Amino acid sequence: MSCYFRHIQEIFKDAGITISTHNKKQIDQAIHEFLGITYKDCPTTLKALKTIMIDKQKRDLLVQELKTAYR
């Protein structure tokens, strides 16, 4: 599992997503794309996600993006 997934379980829950071996890479890539961060740059991604977690509007945008892509 991606290094930051354990920190954003509430986002996955709100988006109605269950992480599996079949979808984790796609979700990881989608999150990197949403954030505008090069794929596989885990530390930068986690730092950006921590900022998003405290900004309700940005958090809601990420949840909506994931809902649209993976429901």
PDB file of N, CA and C in Angstrom:
ATOM      1  N   MET A   1       0.854  -1.181   0.000  1.00  0.00           N
ATOM      2  CA  MET A   1       0.000   0.000   0.000  1.00  0.00           C
ATOM      3  C   MET A   1       0.894   1.236   0.000  1.00  0.00           C
ATOM      4  N   SER A   2       0.388   2.262  -0.588  1.00  0.00           N
ATOM      5  CA  SER A   2       1.153   3.495  -0.681  1.00  0.00           C
ATOM      6  C   SER A   2       1.461   4.028   0.714  1.00  0.00           C
ATOM      7  N   CYS A   3       2.570   4.699   0.838  1.00  0.00           N
ATOM      8  CA  CYS A   3       3.054   5.103   2.164  1.00  0.00           C
ATOM      9  C   CYS A   3       2.101   6.052   2.891  1.00  0.00           C
ATOM     10  N   TYR A   4       1.245   6.750   2.169  1.00  0.00           N
ATOM     11  CA  TYR A   4       0.378   7.735   2.815  1.00  0.00           C
ATOM     12  C   TYR A   4      -1.072   7.259   2.956  1.00  0.00           C
ATOM     13  N   PHE A   5      -1.418   6.128   2.401  1.00  0.00           N
ATOM     14  CA  PHE A   5      -2.808   5.662   2.432  1.00  0.00           C
ATOM     15  C   PHE A   5      -3.340   5.532   3.854  1.00  0.00           C
ATOM     16  N   ARG A   6      -2.514   5.100   4.775  1.00  0.00           N
ATOM     17  CA  ARG A   6      -2.989   4.918   6.158  1.00  0.00           C
ATOM     18  C   ARG A   6      -3.389   6.244   6.801  1.00  0.00           C
ATOM     19  N   HIS A   7      -2.869   7.343   6.274  1.00  0.00           N
ATOM     20  CA  HIS A   7      -3.178   8.666   6.817  1.00  0.00           C
ATOM     21  C   HIS A   7      -4.486   9.254   6.269  1.00  0.00           C
ATOM     22  N   ILE A   8      -4.997   8.670   5.210  1.00  0.00           N
ATOM     23  CA  ILE A   8      -6.191   9.259   4.570  1.00  0.00           C
ATOM     24  C   ILE A   8      -7.353   8.263   4.478  1.00  0.00           C
ATOM     25  N   GLN A   9      -7.426   7.360   5.425  1.00  0.00           N
ATOM     26  CA  GLN A   9      -8.502   6.369   5.442  1.00  0.00           C
ATOM     27  C   GLN A   9      -9.887   7.029   5.478  1.00  0.00           C
ATOM     28  N   GLU A  10     -10.013   8.155   6.169  1.00  0.00           N
ATOM     29  CA  GLU A  10     -11.305   8.854   6.237  1.00  0.00           C
ATOM     30  C   GLU A  10     -11.728   9.376   4.862  1.00  0.00           C
ATOM     31  N   ILE A  11     -10.779   9.800   4.062  1.00  0.00           N
ATOM     32  CA  ILE A  11     -11.105  10.251   2.703  1.00  0.00           C
ATOM     33  C   ILE A  11     -11.628   9.079   1.888  1.00  0.00           C
ATOM     34  N   PHE A  12     -10.965   7.938   1.985  1.00  0.00           N
ATOM     35  CA  PHE A  12     -11.447   6.756   1.264  1.00  0.00           C
ATOM     36  C   PHE A  12     -12.829   6.353   1.746  1.00  0.00           C
ATOM     37  N   LYS A  13     -13.041   6.413   3.043  1.00  0.00           N
ATOM     38  CA  LYS A  13     -14.348   6.077   3.611  1.00  0.00           C
ATOM     39  C   LYS A  13     -15.422   7.022   3.086  1.00  0.00           C
ATOM     40  N   ASP A  14     -15.138   8.318   3.100  1.00  0.00           N
ATOM     41  CA  ASP A  14     -16.102   9.305   2.618  1.00  0.00           C
ATOM     42  C   ASP A  14     -16.385   9.153   1.125  1.00  0.00           C
ATOM     43  N   ALA A  15     -15.383   8.676   0.388  1.00  0.00           N
ATOM     44  CA  ALA A  15     -15.553   8.479  -1.054  1.00  0.00           C
ATOM     45  C   ALA A  15     -16.196   7.133  -1.361  1.00  0.00           C
ATOM     46  N   GLY A  16     -16.348   6.281  -0.344  1.00  0.00           N
ATOM     47  CA  GLY A  16     -16.954   4.974  -0.555  1.00  0.00           C
ATOM     48  C   GLY A  16     -16.030   4.005  -1.268  1.00  0.00           C
ATOM     49  N   ILE A  17     -14.736   4.150  -1.032  1.00  0.00           N
ATOM     50  CA  ILE A  17     -13.747   3.323  -1.716  1.00  0.00           C
ATOM     51  C   ILE A  17     -13.120   2.337  -0.746  1.00  0.00           C
ATOM     52  N   THR A  18     -13.039   1.092  -1.189  1.00  0.00           N
ATOM     53  CA  THR A  18     -12.305   0.080  -0.470  1.00  0.00           C
ATOM     54  C   THR A  18     -11.044  -0.197  -1.273  1.00  0.00           C
ATOM     55  N   ILE A  19      -9.902  -0.014  -0.652  1.00  0.00           N
ATOM     56  CA  ILE A  19      -8.635  -0.221  -1.330  1.00  0.00           C
ATOM     57  C   ILE A  19      -8.387  -1.714  -1.473  1.00  0.00           C
ATOM     58  N   SER A  20      -7.991  -2.108  -2.684  1.00  0.00           N
ATOM     59  CA  SER A  20      -7.662  -3.505  -2.949  1.00  0.00           C
ATOM     60  C   SER A  20      -6.414  -3.567  -3.814  1.00  0.00           C
ATOM     61  N   THR A  21      -5.918  -4.761  -4.006  1.00  0.00           N
ATOM     62  CA  THR A  21      -4.745  -4.917  -4.875  1.00  0.00           C
ATOM     63  C   THR A  21      -5.071  -4.527  -6.310  1.00  0.00           C
ATOM     64  N   HIS A  22      -6.339  -4.567  -6.665  1.00  0.00           N
ATOM     65  CA  HIS A  22      -6.751  -4.249  -8.033  1.00  0.00           C
ATOM     66  C   HIS A  22      -6.845  -2.754  -8.300  1.00  0.00           C
ATOM     67  N   ASN A  23      -7.090  -1.950  -7.282  1.00  0.00           N
ATOM     68  CA  ASN A  23      -7.312  -0.526  -7.538  1.00  0.00           C
ATOM     69  C   ASN A  23      -6.311   0.420  -6.861  1.00  0.00           C
ATOM     70  N   LYS A  24      -5.434  -0.093  -6.013  1.00  0.00           N
ATOM     71  CA  LYS A  24      -4.573   0.810  -5.238  1.00  0.00           C
ATOM     72  C   LYS A  24      -3.614   1.618  -6.110  1.00  0.00           C
ATOM     73  N   LYS A  25      -3.065   1.026  -7.164  1.00  0.00           N
ATOM     74  CA  LYS A  25      -2.145   1.775  -8.024  1.00  0.00           C
ATOM     75  C   LYS A  25      -2.884   2.882  -8.775  1.00  0.00           C
ATOM     76  N   GLN A  26      -4.080   2.569  -9.274  1.00  0.00           N
ATOM     77  CA  GLN A  26      -4.875   3.568  -9.994  1.00  0.00           C
ATOM     78  C   GLN A  26      -5.258   4.718  -9.066  1.00  0.00           C
ATOM     79  N   ILE A  27      -5.643   4.399  -7.854  1.00  0.00           N
ATOM     80  CA  ILE A  27      -6.019   5.432  -6.886  1.00  0.00           C
ATOM     81  C   ILE A  27      -4.800   6.271  -6.518  1.00  0.00           C
ATOM     82  N   ASP A  28      -3.685   5.622  -6.307  1.00  0.00           N
ATOM     83  CA  ASP A  28      -2.440   6.325  -6.005  1.00  0.00           C
ATOM     84  C   ASP A  28      -2.087   7.296  -7.135  1.00  0.00           C
ATOM     85  N   GLN A  29      -2.188   6.846  -8.370  1.00  0.00           N
ATOM     86  CA  GLN A  29      -1.897   7.709  -9.514  1.00  0.00           C
ATOM     87  C   GLN A  29      -2.895   8.862  -9.601  1.00  0.00           C
ATOM     88  N   ALA A  30      -4.158   8.584  -9.340  1.00  0.00           N
ATOM     89  CA  ALA A  30      -5.180   9.630  -9.405  1.00  0.00           C
ATOM     90  C   ALA A  30      -4.935  10.712  -8.350  1.00  0.00           C
ATOM     91  N   ILE A  31      -4.529  10.308  -7.170  1.00  0.00           N
ATOM     92  CA  ILE A  31      -4.247  11.268  -6.106  1.00  0.00           C
ATOM     93  C   ILE A  31      -3.043  12.133  -6.487  1.00  0.00           C
ATOM     94  N   HIS A  32      -1.996  11.507  -7.002  1.00  0.00           N
ATOM     95  CA  HIS A  32      -0.830  12.275  -7.450  1.00  0.00           C
ATOM     96  C   HIS A  32      -1.231  13.266  -8.542  1.00  0.00           C
ATOM     97  N   GLU A  33      -2.054  12.816  -9.482  1.00  0.00           N
ATOM     98  CA  GLU A  33      -2.503  13.700 -10.560  1.00  0.00           C
ATOM     99  C   GLU A  33      -3.335  14.853  -9.999  1.00  0.00           C
ATOM    100  N   PHE A  34      -4.256  14.565  -9.096  1.00  0.00           N
ATOM    101  CA  PHE A  34      -5.089  15.589  -8.474  1.00  0.00           C
ATOM    102  C   PHE A  34      -4.228  16.657  -7.799  1.00  0.00           C
ATOM    103  N   LEU A  35      -3.165  16.206  -7.150  1.00  0.00           N
ATOM    104  CA  LEU A  35      -2.284  17.120  -6.425  1.00  0.00           C
ATOM    105  C   LEU A  35      -1.253  17.797  -7.328  1.00  0.00           C
ATOM    106  N   GLY A  36      -1.085  17.266  -8.543  1.00  0.00           N
ATOM    107  CA  GLY A  36      -0.084  17.824  -9.452  1.00  0.00           C
ATOM    108  C   GLY A  36       1.330  17.462  -9.048  1.00  0.00           C
ATOM    109  N   ILE A  37       1.488  16.257  -8.489  1.00  0.00           N
ATOM    110  CA  ILE A  37       2.781  15.790  -7.993  1.00  0.00           C
ATOM    111  C   ILE A  37       3.204  14.573  -8.812  1.00  0.00           C
ATOM    112  N   THR A  38       4.489  14.511  -9.116  1.00  0.00           N
ATOM    113  CA  THR A  38       5.043  13.392  -9.864  1.00  0.00           C
ATOM    114  C   THR A  38       4.723  12.083  -9.156  1.00  0.00           C
ATOM    115  N   TYR A  39       4.277  11.095  -9.945  1.00  0.00           N
ATOM    116  CA  TYR A  39       3.925   9.786  -9.384  1.00  0.00           C
ATOM    117  C   TYR A  39       5.121   9.156  -8.683  1.00  0.00           C
ATOM    118  N   LYS A  40       4.843   8.586  -7.550  1.00  0.00           N
ATOM    119  CA  LYS A  40       5.765   7.887  -6.672  1.00  0.00           C
ATOM    120  C   LYS A  40       6.552   8.821  -5.755  1.00  0.00           C
ATOM    121  N   ASP A  41       6.220  10.103  -5.716  1.00  0.00           N
ATOM    122  CA  ASP A  41       6.877  11.027  -4.786  1.00  0.00           C
ATOM    123  C   ASP A  41       6.045  11.052  -3.503  1.00  0.00           C
ATOM    124  N   CYS A  42       6.242  10.033  -2.702  1.00  0.00           N
ATOM    125  CA  CYS A  42       5.416   9.820  -1.517  1.00  0.00           C
ATOM    126  C   CYS A  42       5.544  10.932  -0.459  1.00  0.00           C
ATOM    127  N   PRO A  43       6.737  11.358  -0.095  1.00  0.00           N
ATOM    128  CA  PRO A  43       6.838  12.389   0.949  1.00  0.00           C
ATOM    129  C   PRO A  43       6.144  13.699   0.571  1.00  0.00           C
ATOM    130  N   THR A  44       6.303  14.122  -0.673  1.00  0.00           N
ATOM    131  CA  THR A  44       5.660  15.360  -1.117  1.00  0.00           C
ATOM    132  C   THR A  44       4.148  15.189  -1.154  1.00  0.00           C
ATOM    133  N   THR A  45       3.696  14.010  -1.551  1.00  0.00           N
ATOM    134  CA  THR A  45       2.263  13.726  -1.602  1.00  0.00           C
ATOM    135  C   THR A  45       1.657  13.780  -0.202  1.00  0.00           C
ATOM    136  N   LEU A  46       2.307  13.157   0.755  1.00  0.00           N
ATOM    137  CA  LEU A  46       1.810  13.175   2.129  1.00  0.00           C
ATOM    138  C   LEU A  46       1.761  14.602   2.667  1.00  0.00           C
ATOM    139  N   LYS A  47       2.771  15.385   2.397  1.00  0.00           N
ATOM    140  CA  LYS A  47       2.795  16.776   2.855  1.00  0.00           C
ATOM    141  C   LYS A  47       1.615  17.557   2.272  1.00  0.00           C
ATOM    142  N   ALA A  48       1.355  17.378   0.975  1.00  0.00           N
ATOM    143  CA  ALA A  48       0.230  18.060   0.327  1.00  0.00           C
ATOM    144  C   ALA A  48      -1.105  17.568   0.884  1.00  0.00           C
ATOM    145  N   LEU A  49      -1.207  16.277   1.148  1.00  0.00           N
ATOM    146  CA  LEU A  49      -2.456  15.727   1.684  1.00  0.00           C
ATOM    147  C   LEU A  49      -2.737  16.239   3.101  1.00  0.00           C
ATOM    148  N   LYS A  50      -1.711  16.436   3.882  1.00  0.00           N
ATOM    149  CA  LYS A  50      -1.915  16.986   5.231  1.00  0.00           C
ATOM    150  C   LYS A  50      -2.531  18.377   5.147  1.00  0.00           C
ATOM    151  N   THR A  51      -2.110  19.152   4.163  1.00  0.00           N
ATOM    152  CA  THR A  51      -2.684  20.481   3.947  1.00  0.00           C
ATOM    153  C   THR A  51      -4.139  20.359   3.515  1.00  0.00           C
ATOM    154  N   ILE A  52      -4.422  19.431   2.634  1.00  0.00           N
ATOM    155  CA  ILE A  52      -5.788  19.229   2.138  1.00  0.00           C
ATOM    156  C   ILE A  52      -6.714  18.756   3.263  1.00  0.00           C
ATOM    157  N   MET A  53      -6.205  17.931   4.146  1.00  0.00           N
ATOM    158  CA  MET A  53      -7.031  17.386   5.228  1.00  0.00           C
ATOM    159  C   MET A  53      -7.581  18.476   6.148  1.00  0.00           C
ATOM    160  N   ILE A  54      -6.900  19.617   6.240  1.00  0.00           N
ATOM    161  CA  ILE A  54      -7.386  20.678   7.132  1.00  0.00           C
ATOM    162  C   ILE A  54      -8.176  21.752   6.382  1.00  0.00           C
ATOM    163  N   ASP A  55      -8.249  21.630   5.066  1.00  0.00           N
ATOM    164  CA  ASP A  55      -9.017  22.575   4.247  1.00  0.00           C
ATOM    165  C   ASP A  55     -10.257  21.850   3.722  1.00  0.00           C
ATOM    166  N   LYS A  56     -11.405  22.108   4.345  1.00  0.00           N
ATOM    167  CA  LYS A  56     -12.623  21.369   4.020  1.00  0.00           C
ATOM    168  C   LYS A  56     -12.970  21.422   2.539  1.00  0.00           C
ATOM    169  N   GLN A  57     -12.824  22.564   1.913  1.00  0.00           N
ATOM    170  CA  GLN A  57     -13.183  22.691   0.504  1.00  0.00           C
ATOM    171  C   GLN A  57     -12.280  21.817  -0.374  1.00  0.00           C
ATOM    172  N   LYS A  58     -10.979  21.847  -0.134  1.00  0.00           N
ATOM    173  CA  LYS A  58     -10.052  21.020  -0.916  1.00  0.00           C
ATOM    174  C   LYS A  58     -10.259  19.537  -0.622  1.00  0.00           C
ATOM    175  N   ARG A  59     -10.521  19.227   0.631  1.00  0.00           N
ATOM    176  CA  ARG A  59     -10.766  17.837   1.013  1.00  0.00           C
ATOM    177  C   ARG A  59     -11.999  17.304   0.297  1.00  0.00           C
ATOM    178  N   ASP A  60     -13.061  18.112   0.277  1.00  0.00           N
ATOM    179  CA  ASP A  60     -14.288  17.716  -0.398  1.00  0.00           C
ATOM    180  C   ASP A  60     -14.072  17.521  -1.901  1.00  0.00           C
ATOM    181  N   LEU A  61     -13.215  18.354  -2.496  1.00  0.00           N
ATOM    182  CA  LEU A  61     -12.887  18.196  -3.921  1.00  0.00           C
ATOM    183  C   LEU A  61     -12.183  16.865  -4.178  1.00  0.00           C
ATOM    184  N   LEU A  62     -11.252  16.503  -3.311  1.00  0.00           N
ATOM    185  CA  LEU A  62     -10.560  15.229  -3.463  1.00  0.00           C
ATOM    186  C   LEU A  62     -11.533  14.066  -3.291  1.00  0.00           C
ATOM    187  N   VAL A  63     -12.379  14.133  -2.291  1.00  0.00           N
ATOM    188  CA  VAL A  63     -13.371  13.078  -2.075  1.00  0.00           C
ATOM    189  C   VAL A  63     -14.263  12.941  -3.304  1.00  0.00           C
ATOM    190  N   GLN A  64     -14.722  14.042  -3.840  1.00  0.00           N
ATOM    191  CA  GLN A  64     -15.595  14.015  -5.012  1.00  0.00           C
ATOM    192  C   GLN A  64     -14.860  13.431  -6.224  1.00  0.00           C
ATOM    193  N   GLU A  65     -13.616  13.811  -6.401  1.00  0.00           N
ATOM    194  CA  GLU A  65     -12.800  13.272  -7.492  1.00  0.00           C
ATOM    195  C   GLU A  65     -12.688  11.759  -7.387  1.00  0.00           C
ATOM    196  N   LEU A  66     -12.421  11.265  -6.203  1.00  0.00           N
ATOM    197  CA  LEU A  66     -12.295   9.830  -6.009  1.00  0.00           C
ATOM    198  C   LEU A  66     -13.642   9.128  -6.168  1.00  0.00           C
ATOM    199  N   LYS A  67     -14.711   9.735  -5.690  1.00  0.00           N
ATOM    200  CA  LYS A  67     -16.042   9.145  -5.870  1.00  0.00           C
ATOM    201  C   LYS A  67     -16.369   8.984  -7.342  1.00  0.00           C
ATOM    202  N   THR A  68     -16.104  10.032  -8.103  1.00  0.00           N
ATOM    203  CA  THR A  68     -16.401  10.019  -9.533  1.00  0.00           C
ATOM    204  C   THR A  68     -15.587   8.952 -10.254  1.00  0.00           C
ATOM    205  N   ALA A  69     -14.343   8.831  -9.896  1.00  0.00           N
ATOM    206  CA  ALA A  69     -13.446   7.921 -10.609  1.00  0.00           C
ATOM    207  C   ALA A  69     -13.597   6.456 -10.203  1.00  0.00           C
ATOM    208  N   TYR A  70     -13.984   6.183  -8.980  1.00  0.00           N
ATOM    209  CA  TYR A  70     -13.908   4.809  -8.472  1.00  0.00           C
ATOM    210  C   TYR A  70     -15.163   4.245  -7.824  1.00  0.00           C
ATOM    211  N   ARG A  71     -16.286   4.811  -8.105  1.00  0.00           N
ATOM    212  CA  ARG A  71     -17.516   4.245  -7.549  1.00  0.00           C
ATOM    213  C   ARG A  71     -18.232   3.397  -8.510  1.00  0.00           C
TER     214      ARG A  71
END
